[in-house]
Amino acid sequence: MRQEDIDRINTLYHKSQSVGLTEEEKEEQARLRKAYVAAIRESLRGSLNNISIQESDGSITDLGKKYGGVKDV
């Protein structure tokens, strides 16, 4: 997500607290928030899929392959 979109989310929030939003602004705010949450989830999923754990027997378990549906490339 671009920084301009995040700034717009914040601007709309502050405006909603002070004077209120028009219907168009409410729709824009909802759309931007939905895109923001999707971007955060995608980033978190990517981070979690790159975690590997060394087991006590010395073997390495790739959690992305085991639980995240990541395929071998």
Protein backbone atom coordinates (compact mmCIF):
# COMPACT_ATOMS: atom_id res chain seq x y z
CA MET A 1 0.00 0.00 0.00
CA ARG A 2 1.28 3.44 -0.90
CA GLN A 3 2.05 6.03 1.75
CA GLU A 4 -0.44 8.41 0.09
CA ASP A 5 -3.24 5.90 0.74
CA ILE A 6 -2.26 5.56 4.40
CA ASP A 7 -2.14 9.35 4.72
CA ARG A 8 -5.62 9.55 3.15
CA ILE A 9 -6.96 6.99 5.65
CA ASN A 10 -5.62 9.14 8.49
CA THR A 11 -7.00 12.34 6.96
CA LEU A 12 -10.45 10.81 6.59
CA TYR A 13 -10.33 9.52 10.17
CA HIS A 14 -9.49 12.94 11.58
CA LYS A 15 -12.16 14.59 9.45
CA SER A 16 -14.74 12.03 10.63
CA GLN A 17 -13.93 12.91 14.23
CA SER A 18 -14.17 16.67 13.71
CA VAL A 19 -16.84 17.50 11.11
CA GLY A 20 -18.04 14.19 9.71
CA LEU A 21 -17.77 12.57 6.30
CA THR A 22 -19.91 12.66 3.20
CA GLU A 23 -21.26 9.38 1.85
CA GLU A 24 -18.57 9.35 -0.86
CA GLU A 25 -15.85 9.86 1.75
CA LYS A 26 -17.29 7.07 3.92
CA GLU A 27 -17.17 4.71 0.93
CA GLU A 28 -13.60 5.78 0.13
CA GLN A 29 -12.59 5.27 3.76
CA ALA A 30 -14.10 1.78 3.82
CA ARG A 31 -12.39 0.84 0.54
CA LEU A 32 -9.01 2.15 1.72
CA ARG A 33 -9.30 0.39 5.09
CA LYS A 34 -10.16 -2.89 3.38
CA ALA A 35 -7.13 -2.57 1.09
CA TYR A 36 -4.93 -1.71 4.10
CA VAL A 37 -6.04 -4.78 6.06
CA ALA A 38 -5.48 -6.97 2.99
CA ALA A 39 -1.94 -5.58 2.60
CA ILE A 40 -1.16 -6.22 6.28
CA ARG A 41 -2.46 -9.79 6.04
CA GLU A 42 -0.43 -10.46 2.89
CA SER A 43 2.72 -9.11 4.53
CA LEU A 44 2.18 -11.15 7.68
CA ARG A 45 1.45 -14.30 5.68
CA GLY A 46 4.66 -13.79 3.70
CA SER A 47 6.67 -13.37 6.88
CA LEU A 48 5.15 -16.42 8.54
CA ASN A 49 5.71 -18.56 5.45
CA ASN A 50 9.45 -17.83 5.69
CA ILE A 51 9.88 -19.25 9.20
CA SER A 52 11.85 -22.43 9.70
CA ILE A 53 12.29 -24.22 13.02
CA GLN A 54 15.22 -26.40 14.00
CA GLU A 55 13.85 -29.41 15.84
CA SER A 56 15.60 -31.00 18.83
CA ASP A 57 16.89 -33.82 16.58
CA GLY A 58 18.60 -31.24 14.33
CA SER A 59 16.14 -31.44 11.44
CA ILE A 60 14.71 -28.23 9.94
CA THR A 61 10.95 -27.83 9.57
CA ASP A 62 9.88 -25.20 7.02
CA LEU A 63 6.56 -23.92 8.38
CA GLY A 64 5.66 -22.27 5.07
CA LYS A 65 5.78 -25.65 3.34
CA LYS A 66 4.16 -27.51 6.22
CA TYR A 67 1.28 -25.15 7.01
CA GLY A 68 1.31 -22.25 4.54
CA GLY A 69 0.87 -24.16 1.30
CA VAL A 70 4.21 -22.94 -0.06
CA LYS A 71 5.46 -25.13 -2.90
CA ASP A 72 9.07 -26.00 -3.76
CA VAL A 73 10.35 -23.87 -6.58
